[in-house]
N, C-alpha and C. Protein backbone atom coordinates (compact mmCIF):
# COMPACT_ATOMS: atom_id res chain seq x y z
N UNK A 1 1.31 -1.04 -0.04
CA UNK A 1 -0.32 -0.25 0.10
C UNK A 1 1.00 1.13 0.26
N UNK A 2 1.23 2.69 -0.43
CA UNK A 2 0.96 3.03 -1.74
C UNK A 2 1.34 4.18 0.20
N UNK A 3 2.00 4.25 0.43
CA UNK A 3 2.17 5.68 1.23
C UNK A 3 1.22 6.90 0.84
N UNK A 4 0.48 7.96 2.44
CA UNK A 4 -0.97 9.08 2.03
C UNK A 4 0.28 9.65 3.40
N UNK A 5 -0.19 10.67 2.54
CA UNK A 5 0.18 12.24 3.40
C UNK A 5 -0.05 11.66 5.55
N UNK A 6 -1.56 11.21 4.85
CA UNK A 6 -1.57 11.18 6.81
C UNK A 6 -0.82 10.18 7.30
N UNK A 7 -0.32 9.20 6.20
CA UNK A 7 0.76 8.17 7.07
C UNK A 7 1.91 9.21 7.50
N UNK A 8 2.18 9.82 6.90
CA UNK A 8 3.06 10.97 7.41
C UNK A 8 3.55 11.93 9.09
N UNK A 9 4.95 12.12 9.53
CA UNK A 9 5.11 12.32 10.40
C UNK A 9 6.37 13.20 10.09
N UNK A 10 6.86 14.11 11.12
CA UNK A 10 8.52 15.06 10.35
C UNK A 10 9.20 14.23 11.52
N UNK A 11 10.37 14.33 11.53
CA UNK A 11 10.85 14.67 12.38
C UNK A 11 12.15 15.76 12.36
N UNK A 12 12.13 17.00 13.42
CA UNK A 12 12.38 17.73 13.92
C UNK A 12 13.83 17.94 14.09
N UNK A 13 14.78 18.52 13.77
CA UNK A 13 15.87 18.96 14.60
C UNK A 13 15.73 20.54 14.43
N UNK A 14 16.77 20.44 15.05
CA UNK A 14 17.48 21.93 15.57
C UNK A 14 19.54 21.91 14.52
N UNK A 15 19.91 22.49 14.17
CA UNK A 15 21.03 22.01 13.67
C UNK A 15 21.19 24.24 13.36
N UNK A 16 23.58 24.12 12.76
CA UNK A 16 23.64 24.90 12.50
C UNK A 16 22.90 25.53 11.37
N UNK A 17 22.78 26.55 11.28
CA UNK A 17 22.82 27.39 10.06
C UNK A 17 23.95 26.80 9.05
N UNK A 18 25.25 26.95 8.97
CA UNK A 18 26.22 26.53 8.33
C UNK A 18 25.90 25.71 7.80
N UNK A 19 25.61 24.52 8.50
CA UNK A 19 25.64 23.21 8.79
C UNK A 19 24.88 22.19 7.37
N UNK A 20 23.52 23.23 7.87
CA UNK A 20 22.06 22.92 6.81
C UNK A 20 22.27 23.67 5.24
N UNK A 21 22.94 24.97 5.25
CA UNK A 21 23.57 25.96 3.91
C UNK A 21 24.73 24.59 3.22
N UNK A 22 25.75 24.44 4.21
CA UNK A 22 26.64 22.51 3.38
C UNK A 22 26.13 21.66 3.32
N UNK A 23 25.73 20.82 3.80
CA UNK A 23 24.68 19.86 3.51
C UNK A 23 23.72 20.06 2.54
N UNK A 24 22.92 21.49 2.22
CA UNK A 24 22.10 21.08 1.79
C UNK A 24 23.10 21.67 -0.48
N UNK A 25 24.53 22.39 -0.42
CA UNK A 25 24.35 22.35 -0.68
C UNK A 25 25.32 20.96 -1.91
N UNK A 26 26.29 20.28 -0.13
CA UNK A 26 26.45 18.77 -0.66
C UNK A 26 25.17 18.31 -1.83
N UNK A 27 24.30 18.33 -0.92
CA UNK A 27 23.61 17.32 -1.92
C UNK A 27 22.85 17.40 -2.65
N UNK A 28 22.61 18.64 -2.90
CA UNK A 28 22.71 19.46 -4.74
C UNK A 28 23.43 19.33 -6.02
N UNK A 29 24.92 18.67 -4.83
CA UNK A 29 26.51 18.36 -5.66
C UNK A 29 26.38 17.04 -6.68
N UNK A 30 25.78 16.78 -6.05
CA UNK A 30 25.21 14.87 -5.74
C UNK A 30 23.89 14.34 -7.18
N UNK A 31 22.41 15.62 -6.33
CA UNK A 31 22.09 15.62 -7.60
C UNK A 31 20.79 15.15 -6.43
N UNK A 32 21.63 15.13 -5.46
CA UNK A 32 19.89 14.33 -4.11
C UNK A 32 20.18 15.15 -2.80
N UNK A 33 18.14 15.13 -3.17
CA UNK A 33 17.13 16.07 -2.37
C UNK A 33 17.59 16.18 -1.04
N UNK A 34 18.46 17.06 -0.40
CA UNK A 34 18.46 16.45 1.25
C UNK A 34 17.36 15.70 2.48
N UNK A 35 15.80 15.92 1.83
CA UNK A 35 15.42 15.29 2.94
C UNK A 35 15.92 13.35 2.47
N UNK A 36 15.53 13.33 1.33
CA UNK A 36 15.12 12.04 1.31
C UNK A 36 17.46 11.36 1.65
N UNK A 37 18.35 11.71 1.13
CA UNK A 37 19.13 11.69 2.11
C UNK A 37 19.57 11.28 3.08
N UNK A 38 18.73 12.07 3.75
CA UNK A 38 18.20 11.69 5.30
C UNK A 38 17.31 10.36 5.67
N UNK A 39 16.07 10.81 4.61
CA UNK A 39 15.29 9.33 5.01
C UNK A 39 15.93 8.24 4.56
N UNK A 40 16.95 8.65 3.32
CA UNK A 40 17.75 7.15 3.18
C UNK A 40 19.36 6.40 3.85
N UNK A 41 19.27 7.73 5.28
CA UNK A 41 20.58 7.06 5.89
C UNK A 41 19.94 6.80 7.32
N UNK A 42 18.82 6.54 7.06
CA UNK A 42 17.48 6.55 8.62
C UNK A 42 17.04 4.80 8.22
N UNK A 43 17.10 4.47 6.71
CA UNK A 43 16.58 2.61 6.55
C UNK A 43 18.35 2.76 5.88
N UNK A 44 19.22 3.16 6.71
CA UNK A 44 20.48 2.50 7.02
C UNK A 44 20.55 2.22 7.66
N UNK A 45 20.53 3.10 8.70
CA UNK A 45 20.53 2.93 10.09
C UNK A 45 19.70 1.69 11.07
N UNK A 46 18.51 1.86 10.58
CA UNK A 46 17.05 1.42 11.27
C UNK A 46 18.29 -0.65 10.64
N UNK A 47 18.48 -0.45 9.63
CA UNK A 47 18.55 -1.65 9.15
C UNK A 47 19.20 -2.14 9.66
N UNK A 48 20.44 -1.68 9.99
CA UNK A 48 21.88 -2.45 10.57
C UNK A 48 22.85 -1.99 11.60
N UNK A 49 22.46 -0.88 12.52
CA UNK A 49 23.31 0.09 12.36
C UNK A 49 23.72 1.52 11.93
N UNK A 50 24.24 2.05 12.28
CA UNK A 50 25.03 3.40 12.40
C UNK A 50 25.94 2.38 10.48
N UNK A 51 25.43 2.82 8.93
CA UNK A 51 26.73 2.97 8.01
C UNK A 51 27.51 4.23 8.39
N UNK A 52 28.40 4.72 8.96
CA UNK A 52 30.22 4.63 9.24
C UNK A 52 30.56 4.85 10.93
N UNK A 53 31.42 5.29 9.96
CA UNK A 53 31.72 5.76 12.19
C UNK A 53 32.07 6.78 12.31
N UNK A 54 30.50 6.68 13.39
CA UNK A 54 30.09 7.65 14.45
C UNK A 54 31.28 8.60 15.04
N UNK A 55 30.51 9.67 15.14
CA UNK A 55 31.39 10.59 15.54
C UNK A 55 32.84 11.12 14.72
N UNK A 56 33.22 10.56 14.00
CA UNK A 56 35.07 11.37 12.75
C UNK A 56 34.82 12.22 13.24
N UNK A 57 33.74 12.90 12.87
CA UNK A 57 33.18 14.29 11.93
C UNK A 57 33.79 15.26 12.71
N UNK A 58 34.98 15.54 12.60
CA UNK A 58 34.93 16.55 13.45
C UNK A 58 35.21 18.83 13.04
N UNK A 59 34.48 18.66 12.18
CA UNK A 59 33.81 20.07 12.22
C UNK A 59 33.31 20.69 13.57
N UNK A 60 32.88 21.62 14.70
CA UNK A 60 32.11 22.33 15.34
C UNK A 60 31.86 23.43 15.15
N UNK A 61 30.27 23.10 13.91
CA UNK A 61 29.80 24.84 14.50
C UNK A 61 28.73 25.31 15.51
N UNK A 62 29.56 26.38 15.72
CA UNK A 62 29.06 26.88 16.69
C UNK A 62 27.95 28.31 16.19
N UNK A 63 26.92 29.07 16.96
CA UNK A 63 26.41 30.02 16.85
C UNK A 63 24.61 29.06 16.33
N UNK A 64 24.39 30.44 15.26
CA UNK A 64 22.61 29.96 14.71
C UNK A 64 22.50 29.02 14.37
N UNK A 65 21.64 28.31 14.98
CA UNK A 65 20.62 27.13 14.72
C UNK A 65 18.88 27.70 13.96
N UNK A 66 19.02 26.15 12.92
CA UNK A 66 17.88 25.87 13.05
C UNK A 66 16.60 24.80 12.70
N UNK A 67 15.22 25.47 12.81
CA UNK A 67 14.97 23.91 12.13
C UNK A 67 14.52 22.88 11.66
N UNK A 68 14.90 22.17 10.71
CA UNK A 68 14.67 21.08 9.79
C UNK A 68 14.22 20.13 10.23
N UNK A 69 13.47 19.96 9.47
CA UNK A 69 11.94 18.56 9.18
C UNK A 69 12.03 17.93 8.23
N UNK A 70 12.17 16.65 8.35
CA UNK A 70 12.01 15.71 7.37
C UNK A 70 10.54 14.45 7.74
N UNK A 71 9.65 14.35 6.24
CA UNK A 71 9.14 14.41 6.54
C UNK A 71 9.09 11.81 5.91
N UNK A 72 8.40 11.44 6.67
CA UNK A 72 8.90 10.48 6.36
C UNK A 72 8.09 9.43 7.21
N UNK A 73 7.55 8.08 7.53
CA UNK A 73 6.58 7.18 7.75
C UNK A 73 6.30 7.12 9.54
N UNK A 74 5.42 7.04 10.34
CA UNK A 74 5.58 7.25 11.46
C UNK A 74 6.26 6.44 12.01
N UNK A 75 6.18 4.79 11.10
CA UNK A 75 7.24 4.03 11.30
C UNK A 75 8.19 4.39 11.69
N UNK A 76 8.94 4.63 9.82
CA UNK A 76 10.17 5.42 10.29
C UNK A 76 10.21 5.57 11.08
N UNK A 77 9.46 6.29 12.27
CA UNK A 77 9.90 8.08 13.11
C UNK A 77 10.57 6.80 13.67
N UNK A 78 9.11 6.15 14.19
CA UNK A 78 9.62 4.86 16.39
C UNK A 78 10.91 4.10 15.43
N UNK A 79 11.12 3.64 14.61
CA UNK A 79 11.97 2.62 13.84
C UNK A 79 13.69 3.07 14.57
N UNK A 80 13.44 4.35 13.82
CA UNK A 80 14.76 5.13 14.27
C UNK A 80 14.94 5.60 15.63
N UNK A 81 13.62 5.91 15.90
CA UNK A 81 13.94 6.67 17.27
C UNK A 81 14.24 5.14 18.43
N UNK A 82 12.77 4.22 18.17
CA UNK A 82 13.95 2.14 18.69
C UNK A 82 15.68 2.73 18.97
N UNK A 83 16.05 2.61 17.58
CA UNK A 83 17.70 2.45 17.18
C UNK A 83 18.74 2.72 18.40
N UNK A 84 18.02 4.29 18.08
CA UNK A 84 18.89 5.88 18.44
C UNK A 84 18.98 5.12 20.03
N UNK A 85 18.20 4.90 20.29
CA UNK A 85 17.93 4.15 22.26
C UNK A 85 18.80 3.42 22.48
N UNK A 86 18.88 2.65 21.52
CA UNK A 86 19.97 1.41 21.54
C UNK A 86 21.45 1.59 22.15
N UNK A 87 21.11 2.43 21.43
CA UNK A 87 22.88 3.91 21.93
C UNK A 87 22.86 4.85 22.76
N UNK A 88 21.75 5.37 23.66
CA UNK A 88 21.39 5.53 24.09
C UNK A 88 21.74 7.41 23.61
N UNK A 89 21.11 7.64 22.68
CA UNK A 89 21.46 9.21 22.87
C UNK A 89 20.19 9.38 21.02
N UNK A 90 20.44 10.34 21.07
CA UNK A 90 18.49 10.79 20.79
C UNK A 90 19.27 11.43 19.03
N UNK A 91 17.92 11.23 18.59
CA UNK A 91 17.58 10.73 16.56
C UNK A 91 19.05 12.15 16.61
N UNK A 92 19.09 13.44 16.79
CA UNK A 92 19.30 14.66 16.25
C UNK A 92 20.62 14.47 16.69
N UNK A 93 21.49 13.60 17.02
CA UNK A 93 22.90 13.59 17.19
C UNK A 93 23.63 12.86 16.04
N UNK A 94 22.77 11.68 15.60
CA UNK A 94 23.05 10.69 14.39
C UNK A 94 23.17 11.53 13.20
N UNK A 95 21.88 12.30 13.62
CA UNK A 95 22.11 12.92 11.84
C UNK A 95 22.76 14.35 11.87
N UNK A 96 22.33 14.80 12.91
CA UNK A 96 24.35 15.82 12.15
C UNK A 96 24.81 14.83 12.57
N UNK A 97 25.91 14.51 13.15
CA UNK A 97 27.38 13.14 12.00
C UNK A 97 26.90 12.85 11.00
N UNK A 98 25.68 12.28 10.69
CA UNK A 98 25.72 12.13 9.14
C UNK A 98 25.74 13.52 8.21
N UNK A 99 25.16 14.83 8.23
CA UNK A 99 25.21 15.79 7.56
C UNK A 99 27.27 16.34 8.17
N UNK A 100 27.04 15.54 8.93
CA UNK A 100 29.07 16.55 9.29
C UNK A 100 29.59 15.76 8.32
N UNK A 101 29.41 13.96 8.22
CA UNK A 101 29.75 13.45 7.41
C UNK A 101 30.54 13.57 6.07
N UNK A 102 29.59 13.47 5.84
CA UNK A 102 29.16 14.37 4.49
C UNK A 102 29.46 15.31 3.67
N UNK A 103 29.85 16.13 4.60
CA UNK A 103 30.23 17.51 4.23
C UNK A 103 31.44 17.21 4.44
N UNK A 104 31.96 17.29 4.92
CA UNK A 104 33.73 16.79 4.73
C UNK A 104 34.29 16.63 4.51
N UNK A 105 33.38 14.90 4.11
CA UNK A 105 33.98 14.01 3.36
C UNK A 105 33.93 14.09 1.57
N UNK A 106 32.98 15.05 1.16
CA UNK A 106 32.52 15.14 -0.10
C UNK A 106 31.55 13.82 -0.60
N UNK A 107 31.10 13.40 0.18
CA UNK A 107 30.51 12.04 0.01
C UNK A 107 30.13 10.54 0.77
N UNK A 108 28.85 10.94 -0.12
CA UNK A 108 28.05 9.88 1.82
C UNK A 108 28.58 8.89 1.88
N UNK A 109 28.44 7.97 3.30
CA UNK A 109 28.99 7.24 3.83
C UNK A 109 28.65 5.88 3.88
N UNK A 110 27.89 5.65 2.90
CA UNK A 110 27.46 4.54 2.43
C UNK A 110 26.93 4.29 0.20
N UNK A 111 27.32 3.20 0.04
CA UNK A 111 26.35 3.89 -0.94
C UNK A 111 24.91 3.62 -2.15
N UNK A 112 25.02 5.38 -2.54
CA UNK A 112 23.63 5.60 -2.01
C UNK A 112 22.92 5.58 -3.34
N UNK A 113 22.16 4.00 -3.36
CA UNK A 113 21.01 3.91 -4.20
C UNK A 113 19.59 4.25 -3.91
N UNK A 114 18.48 4.18 -5.64
CA UNK A 114 18.04 4.72 -4.96
C UNK A 114 16.72 4.04 -4.72
N UNK A 115 15.93 3.96 -3.58
CA UNK A 115 15.51 2.39 -3.38
C UNK A 115 13.45 3.22 -4.24
């Protein structure tokens, strides 16, 4: 059954505005929408753990933060929350580290295949 708008929820986090801009530019350079990249990362994370070496991103972003929302199914959001609970950290930490890793390396930390 196809997902309907009523089946969708938002995952909202606050990130540094510079990180958001840099991640958006990175995704644009790869021809991928930022929200799709985040959802793909979440699918990988839920399906088999962190798809990269966590915590290796070195850049520290300070200052102004902005709210970012990613639409996904309620089931995906709940599964991601449960997976993050296993590590004892909030979802926002993993999303920010994913974004920083992409920006710093210039690559996705996994083979990006459109599902």
